[in-house]
Every structure is written in structure tokens, then in C-alpha cells.
Amino acid sequence: MTRENREHKRSGSSSAISFALNVSLCMAMVLALPVMIFFSPVMGYAPTVSVHDQAGVFDRGLLERELGKLRFRQDIRFEVISLSGWGIQNLDAAVASFADQELEYRNDIRTADKRSWKKGVVVIAVAPRAHQVGVYPGADISLERSEQVAIQDTAAAQFSGRDWNGGVLAMGNKAERYLGAYSSGLARAGVAVAAVLSCWGAVKLFLYLRRGLASRRMARSAASSYGQVTYDYDSTALRVGTLDSSAPESRALAARYESFEQDYYDVTLAWRKFGDPQGFDWFGKGVYDSAKSLQERSAALDDGDDVIVDTVSILTMSPTWERAWEKQQAPILEKLRAVTRMAGSVRRSNAVNREDIATWVARQNRRLGELTVDLDKRELAPVEALAELDGMSRIIDLVVAALEQRREAVVEAVVTSSVSVC
């Protein structure tokens, strides 16, 4: 295996590892939100709710549904009990007796010695006729006595108005404040952070994959432009060599050609340095930057080659001069169309109006036609036509810039002037 092959293989392995790491990182970011929602304990646990309405004051379905929406940092089993007795003096004992005697699954919520509630159990008990309410947490429920009192007191207004459902729900919401999934505020913040992370990861993944596709597309475009220049290289050199070296226009074109040759040499070196990316290589930032640079430089090189060939065709009035002249005029015609479009945004209260601009544009179009006719009749030297075309282009660029920057005085001075554009 040659040294070049070994380096290429090493580069390919490095690109594959980099691709895998980048995609894995982005996917991990994208999955942050679903993981947070479906698997993270930060979102908490939904409680199990059982309602025992001996006093007949509850809407069982409403309580089970609404209490089930709460979220806690551990498994909670709500046992909601209403007692119907009038002369209840000791609510604690009455609730324990009810559970031991009336509930078939008493062993699931009461300890074996019948002295306390099992882990995870929270009993909310009300005795409407005895005007008593109590909260009884299991052994592992971290509720201080003051917090239990606060939970009971939070339902005072609802119970006074005989809103038993509302009172129990208020107690449940208060319990969530103390036993919630690390507080509902933190849970919402966690979801918000996860959502931002997921969106960021999705955007990064999209941009990363698009970068690889864009790199290949730009490289193909650059190769097409560079290939065309390479194909025409000898022909361009021969065309330039046909000019009279003593003529001023020939010397100017020769200088442009020398600059073109230097650019061609530089771009060729850049292509050699670029090499032949394969597979995962396209997703690297360095390859993307190089491909973008090559696309721009190769396209500019191809355009420069066309300008030189077209200029030679016009100067020598070769059989293809008309096509070359049309190509030379095309950018100027596009600029004039741009001036017309931009003139639509000019306010009539400004110093220059749309009619003046339209008249000026028409004058430039008419002059372009006159230049073409004069060249065809051989009444105008090609070098003079090209010089006037360059002058016209510069003046139009000035008008475009002035319109973009809303310098109406400059526009007015140009479009109302009777001086020739060249």
C-alpha cells in the first residue's frame, strides 16, 4: 500500500468517526425533549386515586380525573375518604377504623400492626357533619406537621361553602407543592430547556447533513466551470495571439490575459490541494469551505475567460462578434431593468420623478441599439464601442447605488444631464 493510499484511508476513517460523533450528538440533543417527557422523573409520577364516599358528598369521577393530573416525585396513592358520622370526636381513629373494617385491600395501605399507613399512601379524609378534615401521610412521605396543617387549611374556604370536591382538589394541589416533581416550576423549566435543546439539535443536524450535500453540489459546479476553462485554455491563448500587439487595446487585453493566467494557475493549485473527497469527507467543514471557494473562483475564472474571448471576437470582428456583443450588452440591460424596478419605489415628492428615470433608461437602450447598428455598418471602431459600453456600465452602476442609498440628488444629476454617458 502506497503512502498516498494509507493517508487517504486514514483520512476516510477520521471523516467517518467525525460524522458518527456529530450525528450522534445531534440525535442526543433531538431526543432530549421526548426523554424528558416520557422517561425523566423530573416530570414526576401520576398518583393512583381511590375515592370512598361514605357521606355521599363527592363526584368520584371528577376527583379521580383531576387528582390524577397532579405529578409527584414518588409514587403516591391517594385514598380520599368521606365519613358520615355526626359524633366523630377523633378523626384519626375513625379513619383508621374505616380503613381496617371497610376496605377490602386494607393490607395494601395499612401496616401489619395497624398503627400507620404504608409507604406511598396519602389519606385525605373529611367528616362533613362533624366538620373535621385530616391528612395522613405514609411512613415515607416527607410531610412536616406544619405542612399537613397547611394542606388542611387550604381547603377551609371550599369546605365552608360545602364544595367538597373543590376542597379536596385544593388539598391535592397544596400537597403537590410540597411533594411535587421537584416543584412543577422546575419541571416546566426542564421541559423548556429540553425543547430548546431538541430544536437546536434538529437545526444542527439539518445544517450538518445539508453541508455535506451542498459540498458535493458546489464541487460538481466548480468542476464543470474549471473543466470548461481547461477545455478552452489553448483556444483562448490562440485568440489573444491574433491581436496586433502594438495596439493600445491589445496591450490592455494582454494585461487582462496575464491576470487570467495567474488566476488559472492559482485555481489549479487549489484543485490539487482539494484532492478527491469521498463519502463522509464531504461533511467536513474544511471540505465545505474549500468547495465553496473553488465554486466561486472557478466560476469567476470561466467568466473571465468568456470576457477575453468575447472581447477578441469584437475587436477582430470575427463571425461570432454579434453573439459576443450581445453577451457584453446583457449585464447592462439587466442593470437598466433594475433601475426601472427601483424607480417604482421613488416617491413623487422627491427631487427626481419616475418619468425622468424612465426617459433616461429609454435613452440608454436606444444608444445600445445605435452602437450595434454602427458596429454592423463598420461606422464605429470596436475599441470605441467597447469603451462607450464600459462608460455606460459605470454610469448605470452609479444610478443603481444612488437609488439604493436614496441619494435623489445624484440620480437627478445623471438622468437630467444631456452629457454623454461615456
Protein backbone atom coordinates (compact mmCIF):
# COMPACT_ATOMS: atom_id res chain seq x y z
CA MET A 1 0.00 0.00 0.00
CA THR A 2 1.43 3.37 -1.06
CA ARG A 3 1.83 6.29 1.31
CA GLU A 4 -0.91 8.21 -0.54
CA ASN A 5 -3.34 5.31 -0.16
CA ARG A 6 -2.54 4.98 3.54
CA GLU A 7 -3.15 8.70 4.10
CA HIS A 8 -6.41 8.53 2.15
CA LYS A 9 -7.59 5.55 4.19
CA ARG A 10 -6.66 7.30 7.44
CA SER A 11 -8.49 10.44 6.31
CA GLY A 12 -11.59 8.40 5.40
CA SER A 13 -11.64 6.72 8.81
CA SER A 14 -11.29 10.07 10.55
CA SER A 15 -14.15 11.51 8.49
CA ALA A 16 -16.39 8.53 9.31
CA ILE A 17 -15.68 8.89 13.04
CA SER A 18 -16.32 12.63 12.89
CA PHE A 19 -19.60 12.03 11.02
CA ALA A 20 -20.76 9.43 13.54
CA LEU A 21 -19.91 11.68 16.50
CA ASN A 22 -21.65 14.72 15.02
CA VAL A 23 -24.81 12.81 14.09
CA SER A 24 -24.89 11.05 17.47
CA LEU A 25 -24.53 14.35 19.32
CA CYS A 26 -27.30 15.97 17.29
CA MET A 27 -29.60 12.97 17.78
CA ALA A 28 -28.96 13.04 21.52
CA MET A 29 -29.97 16.70 21.54
CA VAL A 30 -33.08 15.97 19.47
CA LEU A 31 -34.13 13.18 21.85
CA ALA A 32 -33.76 15.40 24.94
CA LEU A 33 -37.40 16.51 24.85
CA PRO A 34 -39.06 13.08 24.40
CA VAL A 35 -36.75 11.62 27.05
CA MET A 36 -37.67 14.45 29.41
CA ILE A 37 -41.38 13.98 28.80
CA PHE A 38 -41.65 10.20 28.82
CA PHE A 39 -38.78 8.88 30.90
CA SER A 40 -37.37 11.54 33.21
CA PRO A 41 -38.51 11.54 36.88
CA VAL A 42 -38.33 15.33 36.72
CA MET A 43 -41.77 15.12 35.13
CA GLY A 44 -42.94 13.15 38.13
CA TYR A 45 -45.34 10.31 38.75
CA ALA A 46 -49.10 10.38 38.31
CA PRO A 47 -50.84 9.31 41.53
CA THR A 48 -53.24 6.42 41.95
CA VAL A 49 -56.57 7.75 43.23
CA SER A 50 -59.27 5.83 45.12
CA VAL A 51 -62.43 7.57 46.41
CA HIS A 52 -64.52 6.14 49.26
CA ASP A 53 -67.58 8.34 49.63
CA GLN A 54 -69.46 7.11 52.68
CA ALA A 55 -71.02 10.54 53.23
CA GLY A 56 -72.15 10.89 49.60
CA VAL A 57 -70.58 14.32 49.02
CA PHE A 58 -68.06 13.64 46.23
CA ASP A 59 -68.11 13.48 42.47
CA ARG A 60 -65.98 10.38 42.23
CA GLY A 61 -65.12 10.71 38.52
CA LEU A 62 -64.13 14.36 38.85
CA LEU A 63 -61.82 13.73 41.80
CA GLU A 64 -60.14 10.73 40.20
CA ARG A 65 -59.61 12.63 36.96
CA GLU A 66 -58.35 15.92 38.45
CA LEU A 67 -56.18 14.42 41.19
CA GLY A 68 -54.73 12.10 38.56
CA LYS A 69 -53.35 15.13 36.70
CA LEU A 70 -51.04 16.01 39.60
CA ARG A 71 -47.39 14.96 39.47
CA PHE A 72 -45.19 13.89 42.37
CA ARG A 73 -41.57 12.96 42.81
CA GLN A 74 -42.52 9.47 44.02
CA ASP A 75 -45.36 7.02 43.59
CA ILE A 76 -48.33 8.36 45.55
CA ARG A 77 -51.54 6.53 46.36
CA PHE A 78 -54.35 8.90 47.24
CA GLU A 79 -57.09 7.44 49.43
CA VAL A 80 -59.90 10.01 49.59
CA ILE A 81 -62.43 9.17 52.32
CA SER A 82 -65.63 10.87 53.48
CA LEU A 83 -67.20 9.73 56.77
CA SER A 84 -70.90 10.15 57.51
CA GLY A 85 -70.92 10.08 61.34
CA TRP A 86 -72.20 13.00 63.42
CA GLY A 87 -70.41 12.43 66.68
CA ILE A 88 -66.86 11.82 65.48
CA GLN A 89 -64.52 13.08 68.17
CA ASN A 90 -61.27 11.52 66.98
CA LEU A 91 -60.96 11.70 63.18
CA ASP A 92 -57.63 9.87 63.20
CA ALA A 93 -59.13 6.84 64.90
CA ALA A 94 -62.29 6.97 62.81
CA VAL A 95 -60.33 6.97 59.55
CA ALA A 96 -58.12 4.10 60.70
CA SER A 97 -61.19 2.12 61.81
CA PHE A 98 -62.93 2.74 58.48
CA ALA A 99 -59.90 1.52 56.55
CA ASP A 100 -59.49 -1.59 58.73
CA GLN A 101 -63.14 -2.56 58.59
CA GLU A 102 -64.48 -1.33 55.28
CA LEU A 103 -61.66 -1.58 52.73
CA GLU A 104 -61.05 -4.98 51.16
CA TYR A 105 -57.50 -4.03 50.23
CA ARG A 106 -56.71 -2.77 53.73
CA ASN A 107 -53.50 -4.78 53.79
CA ASP A 108 -52.26 -2.77 50.82
CA ILE A 109 -52.44 0.54 52.64
CA ARG A 110 -52.15 -0.32 56.33
CA THR A 111 -49.08 -1.71 58.09
CA ALA A 112 -49.29 -5.12 59.71
CA ASP A 113 -49.53 -3.67 63.23
CA LYS A 114 -52.43 -1.40 62.14
CA ARG A 115 -50.66 1.61 63.58
CA SER A 116 -49.72 3.56 60.43
CA TRP A 117 -50.12 3.85 56.71
CA LYS A 118 -47.87 2.08 54.27
CA LYS A 119 -45.27 3.76 52.14
CA GLY A 120 -46.59 5.89 49.34
CA VAL A 121 -50.07 6.28 50.83
CA VAL A 122 -51.64 9.71 51.44
CA VAL A 123 -55.10 9.71 53.02
CA ILE A 124 -57.33 12.77 52.67
CA ALA A 125 -60.30 12.38 55.00
CA VAL A 126 -63.30 14.64 55.58
CA ALA A 127 -66.21 14.27 58.03
CA PRO A 128 -68.74 16.83 56.71
CA ARG A 129 -71.21 16.52 59.57
CA ALA A 130 -68.50 16.58 62.23
CA HIS A 131 -66.74 19.46 60.47
CA GLN A 132 -63.36 17.76 60.50
CA VAL A 133 -60.64 17.22 57.89
CA GLY A 134 -57.32 15.41 58.06
CA VAL A 135 -54.29 14.45 56.01
CA TYR A 136 -52.43 11.24 56.86
CA PRO A 137 -49.17 10.54 55.02
CA GLY A 138 -47.44 7.16 54.84
CA ALA A 139 -44.15 6.41 56.54
CA ASP A 140 -42.01 7.54 53.59
CA ILE A 141 -43.94 10.70 52.75
CA SER A 142 -41.86 13.68 53.82
CA LEU A 143 -44.57 15.98 55.13
CA GLU A 144 -43.86 18.02 58.23
CA ARG A 145 -46.69 18.54 60.69
CA SER A 146 -46.87 22.22 59.72
CA GLU A 147 -47.21 21.22 56.07
CA GLN A 148 -50.03 18.83 56.89
CA VAL A 149 -51.83 21.64 58.69
CA ALA A 150 -51.25 23.96 55.72
CA ILE A 151 -52.76 21.35 53.37
CA GLN A 152 -55.83 21.06 55.59
CA ASP A 153 -56.23 24.83 55.97
CA THR A 154 -56.03 25.49 52.23
CA ALA A 155 -59.48 23.92 51.76
CA ALA A 156 -61.21 25.95 54.50
CA ALA A 157 -62.99 28.30 52.08
CA GLN A 158 -64.28 25.46 49.87
CA PHE A 159 -65.47 23.35 52.81
CA SER A 160 -67.24 26.35 54.37
CA GLY A 161 -69.19 26.66 51.14
CA ARG A 162 -69.86 22.89 51.08
CA ASP A 163 -67.70 22.50 47.98
CA TRP A 164 -66.27 19.14 48.98
CA ASN A 165 -64.80 18.35 45.60
CA GLY A 166 -63.12 21.76 45.40
CA GLY A 167 -61.74 21.40 48.90
CA VAL A 168 -60.15 18.02 48.22
CA LEU A 169 -58.69 19.27 44.93
CA ALA A 170 -57.24 22.31 46.72
CA MET A 171 -55.63 19.96 49.26
CA GLY A 172 -54.21 17.83 46.46
CA ASN A 173 -52.73 20.88 44.73
CA LYS A 174 -51.22 22.02 48.01
CA ALA A 175 -49.73 18.56 48.54
CA GLU A 176 -48.17 18.78 45.08
CA ARG A 177 -46.44 21.97 46.16
CA TYR A 178 -44.62 20.05 48.92
CA LEU A 179 -44.29 16.65 47.24
CA GLY A 180 -44.27 17.68 43.57
CA ALA A 181 -41.78 16.55 40.95
CA TYR A 182 -39.06 18.79 42.31
CA SER A 183 -41.70 21.53 42.04
CA SER A 184 -43.81 21.99 38.94
CA GLY A 185 -41.86 25.16 38.10
CA LEU A 186 -38.62 23.21 37.79
CA ALA A 187 -40.39 20.59 35.72
CA ARG A 188 -41.64 23.23 33.30
CA ALA A 189 -38.18 24.77 33.17
CA GLY A 190 -36.71 21.34 32.42
CA VAL A 191 -39.16 20.82 29.57
CA ALA A 192 -38.39 24.29 28.20
CA VAL A 193 -34.65 23.63 28.27
CA ALA A 194 -35.15 20.20 26.67
CA ALA A 195 -37.35 21.75 23.96
CA VAL A 196 -34.70 24.35 23.14
CA LEU A 197 -32.02 21.65 23.12
CA SER A 198 -34.11 19.44 20.82
CA CYS A 199 -34.80 22.28 18.38
CA TRP A 200 -31.13 23.24 18.41
CA GLY A 201 -30.12 19.64 17.77
CA ALA A 202 -32.61 19.31 14.90
CA VAL A 203 -31.32 22.50 13.29
CA LYS A 204 -27.69 21.42 13.76
CA LEU A 205 -28.41 18.01 12.25
CA PHE A 206 -30.22 19.56 9.28
CA LEU A 207 -27.41 22.05 8.65
CA TYR A 208 -24.74 19.38 9.07
CA LEU A 209 -26.35 16.99 6.57
CA ARG A 210 -27.12 19.83 4.19
CA ARG A 211 -23.48 20.89 4.38
CA GLY A 212 -22.36 17.54 3.02
CA LEU A 213 -24.85 17.67 0.16
CA ALA A 214 -24.00 21.30 -0.58
CA SER A 215 -20.27 20.49 -0.64
CA ARG A 216 -20.77 17.86 -3.32
CA ARG A 217 -23.07 20.13 -5.33
CA MET A 218 -20.63 23.06 -5.20
CA ALA A 219 -17.72 20.80 -6.10
CA ARG A 220 -19.58 19.49 -9.16
CA SER A 221 -20.42 23.03 -10.23
CA ALA A 222 -16.81 24.13 -9.70
CA ALA A 223 -15.51 21.14 -11.66
CA SER A 224 -17.84 21.99 -14.55
CA SER A 225 -16.62 25.61 -14.69
CA TYR A 226 -12.96 24.65 -14.30
CA GLY A 227 -13.30 21.92 -16.91
CA GLN A 228 -14.72 24.41 -19.39
CA VAL A 229 -11.81 26.78 -18.78
CA THR A 230 -9.31 23.96 -19.20
CA TYR A 231 -11.01 22.86 -22.43
CA ASP A 232 -10.90 26.41 -23.84
CA TYR A 233 -7.46 27.32 -22.48
CA ASP A 234 -5.41 26.74 -25.65
CA SER A 235 -8.08 28.26 -27.87
CA THR A 236 -8.17 31.42 -25.72
CA ALA A 237 -4.39 31.77 -25.91
CA LEU A 238 -4.51 31.47 -29.72
CA ARG A 239 -7.25 34.10 -29.98
CA VAL A 240 -5.29 36.57 -27.87
CA GLY A 241 -2.24 35.93 -30.01
CA THR A 242 -4.06 37.06 -33.14
CA LEU A 243 -4.26 40.67 -31.92
CA ASP A 244 -1.88 43.40 -33.00
CA SER A 245 0.49 43.68 -30.06
CA SER A 246 1.22 47.34 -30.82
CA ALA A 247 -2.40 48.49 -30.44
CA PRO A 248 -3.35 50.02 -27.04
CA GLU A 249 -6.45 47.83 -26.78
CA SER A 250 -4.32 44.74 -27.41
CA ARG A 251 -1.93 45.67 -24.63
CA ALA A 252 -4.85 46.19 -22.24
CA LEU A 253 -6.31 42.81 -23.19
CA ALA A 254 -2.89 41.17 -22.87
CA ALA A 255 -2.64 42.50 -19.32
CA ARG A 256 -6.05 41.08 -18.56
CA TYR A 257 -4.98 37.76 -20.05
CA GLU A 258 -1.85 37.67 -17.87
CA SER A 259 -4.07 38.20 -14.82
CA PHE A 260 -6.31 35.40 -16.09
CA GLU A 261 -3.34 33.05 -16.44
CA GLN A 262 -2.21 33.77 -12.88
CA ASP A 263 -5.73 33.10 -11.60
CA TYR A 264 -5.81 29.88 -13.61
CA TYR A 265 -2.54 28.77 -12.04
CA ASP A 266 -3.78 29.59 -8.52
CA VAL A 267 -7.09 27.77 -9.03
CA THR A 268 -5.25 24.73 -10.41
CA LEU A 269 -3.13 24.58 -7.26
CA ALA A 270 -6.30 24.90 -5.16
CA TRP A 271 -7.84 21.95 -7.01
CA ARG A 272 -4.77 19.82 -6.37
CA LYS A 273 -4.92 20.69 -2.69
CA PHE A 274 -8.66 19.91 -2.62
CA GLY A 275 -7.96 16.38 -3.80
CA ASP A 276 -10.76 13.86 -4.26
CA PRO A 277 -13.09 13.79 -1.22
CA GLN A 278 -15.07 10.59 -0.78
CA GLY A 279 -18.03 9.51 1.34
CA PHE A 280 -18.07 11.15 4.76
CA ASP A 281 -15.30 13.58 3.74
CA TRP A 282 -17.97 15.83 2.22
CA PHE A 283 -19.46 16.63 5.64
CA GLY A 284 -16.28 18.23 6.98
CA LYS A 285 -16.27 21.99 7.37
CA GLY A 286 -12.87 22.28 5.68
CA VAL A 287 -14.15 20.46 2.59
CA TYR A 288 -17.25 22.64 2.54
CA ASP A 289 -15.21 25.85 2.72
CA SER A 290 -12.82 24.64 0.02
CA ALA A 291 -15.67 23.56 -2.26
CA LYS A 292 -17.39 26.92 -1.84
CA SER A 293 -14.18 28.79 -2.60
CA LEU A 294 -13.47 26.61 -5.64
CA GLN A 295 -17.01 27.15 -6.95
CA GLU A 296 -16.65 30.92 -6.71
CA ARG A 297 -13.11 31.06 -8.11
CA SER A 298 -13.79 28.58 -10.92
CA ALA A 299 -16.96 30.44 -11.96
CA ALA A 300 -15.08 33.75 -11.92
CA LEU A 301 -12.30 32.16 -13.98
CA ASP A 302 -14.81 30.86 -16.52
CA ASP A 303 -16.46 34.29 -16.74
CA GLY A 304 -13.05 35.93 -17.20
CA ASP A 305 -12.23 33.52 -19.99
CA ASP A 306 -15.54 34.32 -21.70
CA VAL A 307 -14.91 38.05 -21.42
CA ILE A 308 -11.48 37.72 -23.01
CA VAL A 309 -12.78 35.55 -25.86
CA ASP A 310 -15.75 37.84 -26.49
CA THR A 311 -13.54 40.93 -26.44
CA VAL A 312 -11.20 39.39 -29.01
CA SER A 313 -14.18 38.45 -31.18
CA ILE A 314 -15.45 42.04 -31.11
CA LEU A 315 -12.05 43.66 -31.66
CA THR A 316 -11.34 41.42 -34.65
CA MET A 317 -14.97 41.50 -35.84
CA SER A 318 -14.92 37.75 -36.23
CA PRO A 319 -18.01 35.86 -37.50
CA THR A 320 -19.11 35.42 -33.87
CA TRP A 321 -18.87 39.11 -32.94
CA GLU A 322 -22.65 39.64 -32.82
CA ARG A 323 -23.12 36.90 -30.24
CA ALA A 324 -20.18 38.26 -28.23
CA TRP A 325 -21.59 41.79 -28.42
CA GLU A 326 -24.96 40.56 -27.12
CA LYS A 327 -23.21 38.93 -24.17
CA GLN A 328 -21.36 42.18 -23.45
CA GLN A 329 -24.66 44.08 -23.51
CA ALA A 330 -26.58 41.59 -21.33
CA PRO A 331 -25.26 42.85 -17.95
CA ILE A 332 -26.03 46.46 -18.90
CA LEU A 333 -29.57 45.59 -19.98
CA GLU A 334 -30.12 43.79 -16.66
CA LYS A 335 -28.87 46.85 -14.77
CA LEU A 336 -31.28 49.06 -16.69
CA ARG A 337 -34.15 46.74 -15.79
CA ALA A 338 -33.04 47.01 -12.16
CA VAL A 339 -33.13 50.81 -12.40
CA THR A 340 -36.67 50.62 -13.77
CA ARG A 341 -37.78 48.34 -10.92
CA MET A 342 -36.16 50.53 -8.28
CA ALA A 343 -37.71 53.64 -9.77
CA GLY A 344 -41.09 52.31 -8.71
CA SER A 345 -40.17 52.95 -5.08
CA VAL A 346 -39.28 56.60 -5.67
CA ARG A 347 -41.82 58.95 -4.06
CA ARG A 348 -43.27 61.56 -6.38
CA SER A 349 -42.46 64.22 -3.81
CA ASN A 350 -38.74 63.58 -4.30
CA ALA A 351 -36.48 65.71 -6.43
CA VAL A 352 -36.39 63.13 -9.21
CA ASN A 353 -39.53 61.51 -10.58
CA ARG A 354 -40.26 58.24 -12.28
CA GLU A 355 -40.88 59.80 -15.69
CA ASP A 356 -37.36 61.26 -15.79
CA ILE A 357 -35.86 57.90 -14.88
CA ALA A 358 -37.97 56.09 -17.50
CA THR A 359 -36.87 58.61 -20.15
CA TRP A 360 -33.22 58.17 -19.18
CA VAL A 361 -33.48 54.34 -19.31
CA ALA A 362 -35.08 54.55 -22.74
CA ARG A 363 -32.23 56.78 -23.90
CA GLN A 364 -29.65 54.21 -22.78
CA ASN A 365 -31.50 51.39 -24.52
CA ARG A 366 -31.68 53.44 -27.68
CA ARG A 367 -27.94 54.16 -27.53
CA LEU A 368 -27.19 50.45 -27.16
CA GLY A 369 -29.14 49.82 -30.33
CA GLU A 370 -27.27 52.58 -32.14
CA LEU A 371 -23.92 51.10 -31.10
CA THR A 372 -24.95 47.74 -32.52
CA VAL A 373 -26.01 49.29 -35.84
CA ASP A 374 -22.82 51.36 -36.11
CA LEU A 375 -20.67 48.29 -35.46
CA ASP A 376 -22.56 46.28 -38.07
CA LYS A 377 -22.05 49.05 -40.64
CA ARG A 378 -18.40 49.36 -39.63
CA GLU A 379 -19.03 53.05 -38.88
CA LEU A 380 -17.69 52.68 -35.33
CA ALA A 381 -14.39 51.11 -34.30
CA PRO A 382 -14.83 48.10 -31.99
CA VAL A 383 -12.48 49.60 -29.42
CA GLU A 384 -14.60 52.76 -29.28
CA ALA A 385 -17.80 50.75 -28.88
CA LEU A 386 -16.31 48.77 -26.01
CA ALA A 387 -15.07 51.94 -24.32
CA GLU A 388 -18.53 53.51 -24.55
CA LEU A 389 -20.06 50.31 -23.20
CA ASP A 390 -17.72 50.41 -20.19
CA GLY A 391 -18.58 54.06 -19.54
CA MET A 392 -22.28 53.35 -19.77
CA SER A 393 -21.91 50.49 -17.30
CA ARG A 394 -20.15 52.72 -14.78
CA ILE A 395 -22.82 55.43 -15.00
CA ILE A 396 -25.64 52.89 -14.56
CA ASP A 397 -23.84 51.43 -11.53
CA LEU A 398 -23.75 54.95 -10.08
CA VAL A 399 -27.51 55.37 -10.59
CA VAL A 400 -28.27 51.96 -9.03
CA ALA A 401 -26.14 52.76 -5.98
CA ALA A 402 -27.74 56.20 -5.63
CA LEU A 403 -31.24 54.72 -5.79
CA GLU A 404 -30.34 52.09 -3.19
CA GLN A 405 -29.00 54.76 -0.85
CA ARG A 406 -31.84 57.19 -1.70
CA ARG A 407 -29.45 59.86 -2.93
CA GLU A 408 -32.00 61.57 -5.16
CA ALA A 409 -29.70 64.48 -5.98
CA VAL A 410 -27.20 62.15 -7.66
CA VAL A 411 -29.93 60.38 -9.61
CA GLU A 412 -31.38 63.71 -10.74
CA ALA A 413 -27.98 64.97 -11.86
CA VAL A 414 -27.43 61.86 -14.01
CA VAL A 415 -30.86 61.32 -15.54
CA THR A 416 -31.45 65.00 -16.38
CA SER A 417 -27.98 65.57 -17.78
CA SER A 418 -27.58 65.86 -21.50
CA VAL A 419 -23.90 64.86 -21.26
CA SER A 420 -23.00 61.59 -22.94
CA VAL A 421 -22.61 58.66 -20.60
CA CYS A 422 -19.16 57.92 -21.88
